[in-house]
Protein backbone atom coordinates (compact mmCIF):
# COMPACT_ATOMS: atom_id res chain seq x y z
CA UNK A 1 -12.92 -0.12 2.55
CA UNK A 2 -12.11 0.24 6.26
CA UNK A 3 -14.39 -0.35 9.23
CA UNK A 4 -14.83 3.38 9.79
CA UNK A 5 -16.22 3.84 6.30
CA UNK A 6 -18.50 0.82 6.63
CA UNK A 7 -19.86 2.11 9.96
CA UNK A 8 -20.39 5.55 8.48
CA UNK A 9 -22.32 4.16 5.54
CA UNK A 10 -24.49 1.98 7.77
CA UNK A 11 -25.33 4.93 10.01
CA UNK A 12 -26.23 7.08 7.04
CA UNK A 13 -28.39 4.34 5.62
CA UNK A 14 -30.24 4.06 8.92
CA UNK A 15 -30.86 7.78 9.28
CA UNK A 16 -31.66 8.82 5.71
CA UNK A 17 -34.13 7.35 3.27
CA UNK A 18 -33.26 8.29 -0.31
CA UNK A 19 -36.38 8.57 -2.46
CA UNK A 20 -36.61 5.83 -5.09
CA UNK A 21 -36.98 8.49 -7.79
CA UNK A 22 -33.62 10.05 -6.86
CA UNK A 23 -31.86 6.70 -6.63
CA UNK A 24 -33.28 5.55 -9.97
CA UNK A 25 -32.18 8.80 -11.62
CA UNK A 26 -28.62 8.42 -10.36
CA UNK A 27 -28.43 4.88 -11.70
CA UNK A 28 -29.82 6.07 -15.03
CA UNK A 29 -27.17 8.82 -15.28
CA UNK A 30 -24.32 6.51 -14.45
CA UNK A 31 -25.68 3.83 -16.78
CA UNK A 32 -25.45 6.27 -19.69
CA UNK A 33 -21.85 7.08 -18.78
CA UNK A 34 -20.87 3.41 -18.62
CA UNK A 35 -22.50 2.74 -22.00
CA UNK A 36 -20.66 5.70 -23.58
CA UNK A 37 -23.91 7.49 -24.35
CA UNK A 38 -22.38 10.62 -22.82
CA UNK A 39 -19.07 11.83 -24.24
CA UNK A 40 -16.60 14.34 -22.84
CA UNK A 41 -14.69 16.88 -24.88
CA UNK A 42 -11.34 15.45 -25.92
CA UNK A 43 -7.99 17.24 -25.70
CA UNK A 44 -4.66 16.72 -27.38
CA UNK A 45 -1.54 16.04 -25.30
CA UNK A 46 -0.13 19.55 -25.73
CA UNK A 47 -3.36 21.48 -25.64
CA UNK A 48 -4.42 24.74 -24.05
CA UNK A 49 -2.90 24.90 -20.57
CA UNK A 50 -5.72 27.07 -19.27
CA UNK A 51 -8.55 25.61 -17.23
CA UNK A 52 -9.48 22.28 -18.78
CA UNK A 53 -12.66 20.32 -19.02
CA UNK A 54 -13.26 18.02 -16.06
CA UNK A 55 -13.93 14.39 -16.94
CA UNK A 56 -17.51 13.26 -17.20
CA UNK A 57 -16.75 10.67 -14.53
CA UNK A 58 -15.75 13.40 -12.08
CA UNK A 59 -18.94 15.27 -12.93
CA UNK A 60 -20.92 12.11 -12.36
CA UNK A 61 -19.24 11.63 -9.01
CA UNK A 62 -20.36 15.11 -8.01
CA UNK A 63 -23.91 14.29 -9.11
CA UNK A 64 -23.89 11.21 -6.92
CA UNK A 65 -23.67 13.28 -3.75
CA UNK A 66 -27.23 14.26 -2.91
CA UNK A 67 -28.00 16.93 -0.32
CA UNK A 68 -30.91 15.99 1.91
CA UNK A 69 -31.77 18.22 4.87
CA UNK A 70 -28.20 19.54 4.84
CA UNK A 71 -26.60 16.07 5.13
CA UNK A 72 -24.70 14.53 2.22
CA UNK A 73 -25.06 10.86 1.37
CA UNK A 74 -22.71 9.27 -1.21
CA UNK A 75 -24.22 6.27 -2.96
CA UNK A 76 -21.60 3.58 -2.12
CA UNK A 77 -22.60 1.18 -4.89
CA UNK A 78 -21.89 3.86 -7.49
CA UNK A 79 -18.73 5.15 -5.81
CA UNK A 80 -17.30 1.61 -5.86
CA UNK A 81 -17.53 1.64 -9.66
CA UNK A 82 -15.24 4.69 -9.83
CA UNK A 83 -11.83 3.39 -8.62
CA UNK A 84 -10.33 6.74 -7.69
CA UNK A 85 -13.29 7.35 -5.38
CA UNK A 86 -14.17 3.83 -4.35
CA UNK A 87 -12.72 0.33 -4.02
CA UNK A 88 -8.99 0.91 -4.64
CA UNK A 89 -8.09 -2.20 -2.64
CA UNK A 90 -10.37 -4.31 -4.81
CA UNK A 91 -8.40 -3.24 -7.88
CA UNK A 92 -5.07 -3.87 -6.12
CA UNK A 93 -6.15 -7.41 -5.30
CA UNK A 94 -7.41 -7.98 -8.84
CA UNK A 95 -4.12 -6.79 -10.32
CA UNK A 96 -2.18 -9.05 -7.98
CA UNK A 97 -4.31 -12.05 -8.92
CA UNK A 98 -3.56 -11.38 -12.59
CA UNK A 99 0.18 -10.84 -12.09
CA UNK A 100 2.75 -13.54 -12.82
CA UNK A 101 5.03 -12.00 -10.18
CA UNK A 102 2.85 -10.65 -7.36
CA UNK A 103 4.48 -8.17 -5.01
CA UNK A 104 2.36 -8.72 -1.90
CA UNK A 105 0.26 -11.49 -0.38
CA UNK A 106 -3.42 -11.07 -1.28
CA UNK A 107 -4.56 -11.65 2.30
CA UNK A 108 -2.49 -8.66 3.39
CA UNK A 109 -4.35 -6.43 0.93
CA UNK A 110 -7.61 -7.64 2.46
CA UNK A 111 -6.32 -7.09 6.00
CA UNK A 112 -4.93 -3.62 5.26
CA UNK A 113 -8.18 -2.70 3.59
CA UNK A 114 -10.16 -3.82 6.63
CA UNK A 115 -8.09 -1.76 9.07
CA UNK A 116 -7.40 1.33 6.95
CA UNK A 117 -9.39 4.51 7.44
CA UNK A 118 -10.68 6.82 4.69
CA UNK A 119 -8.67 9.99 4.05
CA UNK A 120 -11.17 12.79 3.60
CA UNK A 121 -9.05 15.89 4.17
CA UNK A 122 -8.87 18.91 1.91
CA UNK A 123 -5.29 18.14 0.83
CA UNK A 124 -5.72 14.48 -0.06
CA UNK A 125 -6.38 15.21 -3.76
CA UNK A 126 -4.59 17.31 -6.38
CA UNK A 127 -5.60 18.08 -9.94
CA UNK A 128 -3.99 19.55 -13.04
CA UNK A 129 -4.62 19.33 -16.77
CA UNK A 130 -3.16 15.82 -17.02
CA UNK A 131 -5.26 14.26 -14.28
CA UNK A 132 -6.24 13.90 -10.64
CA UNK A 133 -4.17 12.19 -7.96
CA UNK A 134 -5.79 11.09 -4.70
CA UNK A 135 -4.92 9.40 -1.43
CA UNK A 136 -8.13 7.67 -0.34
CA UNK A 137 -7.09 5.23 2.43
CA UNK A 138 -4.29 5.17 5.01
CA UNK A 139 -3.18 2.83 7.77
CA UNK A 140 -0.23 2.52 10.19
CA UNK A 141 0.25 -0.48 12.49
CA UNK A 142 3.37 0.87 14.20
CA UNK A 143 5.72 -1.12 11.96
CA UNK A 144 4.48 -0.11 8.52
CA UNK A 145 2.51 2.77 7.09
CA UNK A 146 0.35 2.14 4.03
CA UNK A 147 -1.64 4.52 1.88
CA UNK A 148 -3.35 4.18 -1.48
CA UNK A 149 -2.32 6.42 -4.35
CA UNK A 150 -4.72 6.75 -7.30
CA UNK A 151 -4.34 8.60 -10.57
CA UNK A 152 -7.10 9.37 -13.06
CA UNK A 153 -5.55 10.43 -16.39
CA UNK A 154 -7.52 12.72 -18.70
CA UNK A 155 -5.15 12.77 -21.68
CA UNK A 156 -6.03 10.14 -24.30
CA UNK A 157 -2.44 9.54 -25.40
CA UNK A 158 -1.27 8.90 -21.86
CA UNK A 159 -4.03 6.37 -21.30
CA UNK A 160 -2.03 4.00 -23.50
CA UNK A 161 0.49 3.59 -20.65
CA UNK A 162 0.49 0.40 -18.58
CA UNK A 163 2.03 2.11 -15.56
CA UNK A 164 3.43 5.43 -14.35
CA UNK A 165 6.52 6.15 -12.27
CA UNK A 166 6.40 9.31 -10.12
CA UNK A 167 9.24 11.78 -10.69
CA UNK A 168 10.69 14.71 -8.75
CA UNK A 169 12.87 17.78 -9.28
CA UNK A 170 15.91 18.76 -7.24
CA UNK A 171 15.83 22.41 -6.28
CA UNK A 172 15.68 24.66 -9.33
CA UNK A 173 16.88 21.98 -11.74
CA UNK A 174 14.71 21.36 -14.79
CA UNK A 175 15.55 17.66 -14.99
CA UNK A 176 13.21 15.03 -13.54
CA UNK A 177 14.52 12.23 -11.35
CA UNK A 178 12.98 8.88 -10.45
CA UNK A 179 10.57 8.79 -7.53
CA UNK A 180 8.32 11.32 -5.86
CA UNK A 181 9.24 13.11 -2.65
CA UNK A 182 7.59 11.74 0.48
CA UNK A 183 7.89 13.26 3.95
CA UNK A 184 6.50 12.34 7.36
CA UNK A 185 6.41 15.33 9.72
CA UNK A 186 8.78 17.13 7.33
CA UNK A 187 11.37 14.33 7.38
CA UNK A 188 12.01 12.72 4.00
CA UNK A 189 11.26 9.02 3.68
CA UNK A 190 11.39 6.50 0.84
CA UNK A 191 8.61 3.99 0.17
CA UNK A 192 9.86 0.42 0.15
CA UNK A 193 7.18 -0.51 -2.38
CA UNK A 194 4.09 0.72 -4.14
CA UNK A 195 4.87 4.17 -5.55
CA UNK A 196 4.50 2.71 -9.06
CA UNK A 197 0.98 3.39 -10.35
CA UNK A 198 -0.38 0.48 -12.39
CA UNK A 199 -3.36 0.45 -14.71
CA UNK A 200 -6.56 -0.71 -13.01
CA UNK A 201 -8.82 0.19 -15.90
CA UNK A 202 -8.84 2.66 -18.78
CA UNK A 203 -7.42 5.94 -17.53
CA UNK A 204 -7.15 4.86 -13.87
CA UNK A 205 -3.89 3.83 -12.14
CA UNK A 206 -3.43 2.72 -8.53
CA UNK A 207 -0.69 1.80 -6.08
CA UNK A 208 -0.28 1.02 -2.39
CA UNK A 209 2.67 2.88 -0.86
CA UNK A 210 4.47 1.31 2.07
CA UNK A 211 6.85 3.12 4.42
CA UNK A 212 8.66 1.15 7.12
CA UNK A 213 9.25 2.38 10.67
CA UNK A 214 13.00 1.79 10.29
CA UNK A 215 13.11 5.16 8.48
CA UNK A 216 11.79 6.96 11.55
CA UNK A 217 13.80 8.31 14.45
CA UNK A 218 14.49 5.41 16.84
CA UNK A 219 12.57 3.22 14.39
CA UNK A 220 9.18 4.27 15.81
CA UNK A 221 6.19 5.98 14.21
CA UNK A 222 4.49 8.80 16.08
CA UNK A 223 0.91 8.55 17.29
CA UNK A 224 -0.28 11.02 14.66
CA UNK A 225 1.72 12.09 11.62
CA UNK A 226 1.39 14.46 8.69
CA UNK A 227 2.38 12.92 5.37
CA UNK A 228 3.25 15.01 2.30
CA UNK A 229 3.53 13.65 -1.23
CA UNK A 230 5.23 15.94 -3.75
CA UNK A 231 5.30 14.68 -7.35
CA UNK A 232 6.71 16.94 -10.08
CA UNK A 233 6.14 14.70 -13.06
CA UNK A 234 5.36 11.23 -14.35
CA UNK A 235 7.17 8.74 -16.55
CA UNK A 236 4.69 6.76 -18.67
CA UNK A 237 5.62 3.17 -19.59
CA UNK A 238 4.31 0.30 -21.69
CA UNK A 239 4.88 -3.35 -20.85
CA UNK A 240 5.68 -4.92 -17.48
CA UNK A 241 7.38 -3.29 -14.50
CA UNK A 242 11.12 -3.01 -15.13
CA UNK A 243 10.87 -2.76 -18.91
CA UNK A 244 12.64 0.19 -20.51
CA UNK A 245 9.67 0.98 -22.75
CA UNK A 246 9.17 4.57 -21.69
CA UNK A 247 6.49 6.32 -23.73
CA UNK A 248 7.18 9.86 -22.54
CA UNK A 249 7.65 12.07 -19.53
CA UNK A 250 5.33 14.81 -18.39
CA UNK A 251 6.22 17.63 -16.06
CA UNK A 252 3.40 18.70 -13.78
CA UNK A 253 2.91 19.04 -10.04
CA UNK A 254 0.74 17.03 -7.68
CA UNK A 255 1.07 18.02 -4.01
CA UNK A 256 -0.85 16.01 -1.42
CA UNK A 257 -1.01 16.27 2.35
CA UNK A 258 -2.92 14.13 4.84
CA UNK A 259 -2.76 12.88 8.44
CA UNK A 260 -2.26 9.30 9.58
CA UNK A 261 -2.83 7.90 13.06
CA UNK A 262 -0.95 4.88 14.36
CA UNK A 263 -3.29 2.06 15.38
CA UNK A 264 -1.72 -0.98 17.08
CA UNK A 265 -5.03 -2.41 18.35
CA UNK A 266 -5.03 -5.19 15.74
CA UNK A 267 -1.44 -6.28 16.54
CA UNK A 268 -0.74 -9.44 18.53
CA UNK A 269 2.56 -9.73 20.43
CA UNK A 270 4.42 -12.53 22.17
CA UNK A 271 7.80 -12.80 23.92
CA UNK A 272 8.36 -16.55 23.90
CA UNK A 273 12.12 -16.44 24.60
CA UNK A 274 12.17 -19.98 23.22
CA UNK A 275 15.65 -21.25 22.40
CA UNK A 276 17.71 -24.02 20.89
CA UNK A 277 21.49 -24.29 20.51
CA UNK A 278 21.87 -20.77 21.93
CA UNK A 279 19.54 -19.14 19.36
CA UNK A 280 16.58 -17.40 21.00
CA UNK A 281 13.26 -16.31 19.52
CA UNK A 282 12.88 -13.23 21.68
CA UNK A 283 9.80 -11.51 20.28
CA UNK A 284 7.11 -12.01 17.64
CA UNK A 285 4.51 -9.47 16.49
CA UNK A 286 1.66 -10.22 14.11
CA UNK A 287 0.23 -7.17 12.37
CA UNK A 288 -2.54 -7.20 9.77
CA UNK A 289 0.06 -6.86 7.03
CA UNK A 290 3.15 -8.72 8.24
CA UNK A 291 4.82 -10.83 10.90
CA UNK A 292 7.90 -9.47 12.71
CA UNK A 293 10.28 -11.81 14.56
CA UNK A 294 13.33 -10.87 16.65
CA UNK A 295 16.01 -13.52 17.22
CA UNK A 296 19.25 -13.54 19.22
CA UNK A 297 22.20 -15.41 17.68
CA UNK A 298 25.36 -16.15 19.76
CA UNK A 299 28.75 -15.10 18.41
CA UNK A 300 29.91 -18.61 17.43
CA UNK A 301 26.85 -19.00 15.18
CA UNK A 302 26.52 -15.39 14.07
CA UNK A 303 29.81 -15.64 12.18
CA UNK A 304 28.26 -18.43 10.11
CA UNK A 305 25.48 -16.06 8.98
CA UNK A 306 22.86 -18.82 9.20
CA UNK A 307 19.61 -18.93 7.23
CA UNK A 308 16.25 -18.63 9.03
CA UNK A 309 13.06 -20.34 7.83
CA UNK A 310 9.70 -19.74 9.54
CA UNK A 311 6.98 -22.41 9.39
CA UNK A 312 3.47 -22.14 10.78
CA UNK A 313 1.91 -24.92 12.87
CA UNK A 314 0.67 -26.67 9.71
CA UNK A 315 4.16 -26.79 8.22
CA UNK A 316 3.53 -24.01 5.69
CA UNK A 317 6.47 -21.74 5.05
CA UNK A 318 5.94 -18.06 5.84
CA UNK A 319 7.87 -16.13 3.20
CA UNK A 320 10.66 -13.89 4.44
CA UNK A 321 10.58 -10.30 3.17
CA UNK A 322 13.62 -8.69 4.79
CA UNK A 323 16.08 -8.90 7.66
CA UNK A 324 18.20 -6.39 9.56
CA UNK A 325 21.34 -7.52 11.39
CA UNK A 326 22.41 -5.72 14.58
CA UNK A 327 25.90 -6.84 15.53
CA UNK A 328 26.95 -6.56 19.18
CA UNK A 329 30.45 -5.84 20.55
CA UNK A 330 30.83 -9.45 21.70
CA UNK A 331 30.18 -10.75 18.19
CA UNK A 332 26.62 -11.87 18.86
CA UNK A 333 23.78 -10.67 16.68
CA UNK A 334 20.16 -9.56 17.04
CA UNK A 335 18.24 -10.31 13.87
CA UNK A 336 15.06 -8.35 13.08
CA UNK A 337 13.11 -10.26 10.44
CA UNK A 338 9.97 -9.33 8.52
CA UNK A 339 7.77 -12.08 7.07
CA UNK A 340 4.58 -12.10 5.02
CA UNK A 341 1.32 -11.99 6.92
CA UNK A 342 0.36 -15.02 9.02
CA UNK A 343 -2.29 -15.19 11.73
CA UNK A 344 -1.43 -18.72 12.92
CA UNK A 345 -1.00 -19.45 16.64
CA UNK A 346 1.86 -21.97 16.46
CA UNK A 347 5.20 -21.56 14.66
CA UNK A 348 8.58 -23.23 14.25
CA UNK A 349 11.73 -21.28 13.50
CA UNK A 350 14.30 -23.40 11.67
CA UNK A 351 17.93 -22.27 11.43
CA UNK A 352 20.29 -23.74 8.82
CA UNK A 353 24.06 -23.57 8.35
CA UNK A 354 23.94 -22.52 4.71
CA UNK A 355 27.74 -22.36 4.40
CA UNK A 356 28.42 -25.94 5.57
CA UNK A 357 27.49 -27.64 2.32
CA UNK A 358 25.12 -30.61 2.42
CA UNK A 359 25.03 -33.68 4.65
CA UNK A 360 24.92 -37.35 3.60
CA UNK A 361 21.27 -36.93 2.66
CA UNK A 362 21.99 -33.95 0.44
CA UNK A 363 20.37 -31.54 2.89
CA UNK A 364 21.66 -28.33 4.44
CA UNK A 365 22.53 -28.95 8.13
CA UNK A 366 19.86 -27.84 10.60
CA UNK A 367 21.41 -25.85 13.48
CA UNK A 368 18.26 -25.23 15.52
CA UNK A 369 14.54 -25.87 15.47
CA UNK A 370 12.57 -23.61 17.82
CA UNK A 371 8.82 -24.03 18.36
CA UNK A 372 6.98 -21.03 19.79
CA UNK A 373 3.40 -19.85 20.26
CA UNK A 374 1.69 -16.51 19.98
CA UNK A 375 -0.52 -17.28 22.99
CA UNK A 376 -3.94 -15.84 23.59
């Protein structure tokens, strides 16, 4: 939940007093749902394709919005219990904690959650007979754009899936291909992670999509962007990510559209220009989700393609995520590196000659060791 949503809830709490009778009734209704005292009508997988019954959870969510003097107040404690409407980030963190091979540092989930803003536009949710897909939170720090993608499945057979892969069609073709279609201001982009929707609880699947600025013109996000998500089907799978245990494919459309504003206010930048052996740490940027470091490598060392290791001031290694090499005409190189999140003040960049074998101590030769600080 982002700061905007927290502030909104606090303001609403201060201005509106919900009668105890109303609040007790809402808790009673939701309690019956959670204890399975209220059942919804079930459907088969290939049932009537006319208008279908909405889930009892969706009906309950509608009941939780109470009109008082023309102002609507959503009970946050109840909304948090419905993942597609509430704490998506909480479920992402829980799934990561339970994963043997986590895909993102937990602290980054917490940081992204803190800085993201709720998406409450008309196009942020799409529904068909198989389920409802929703974008509930979005955030862009200038380097990365993140948005949550939630799916509530209504079909009982499909609820057996452990995860779903979005699919898309090409033109008029009937076949489905891997991945949904994502555009920013009508330009197609490809998420670097997160379009897989993993089971958070029975019938609910969530993911955090990430799109990097390198896919934008000149590698820069705009101040305000319109994002479109076009999914033409889903591939349901059992087992862990990467298994070939596909249950089935479904062909159905979910079309989402929402706006995202770039917010760099939480970023911290430094241009230390610290150097050793000709290698220069030119720039470092800490964002809530990652750390970005730009290094210059002279030609005589660039041809060795050295390995870079980033340590914080306590000697903890900051895991490298990716690197982009920009070769210059003179043979030198500018290296743009992305690391996991770190909010430390002091760092050391170590550079190793990975192709030189090992020294007499069995260690890879250290070419340079460059301390630098983020400053105030």
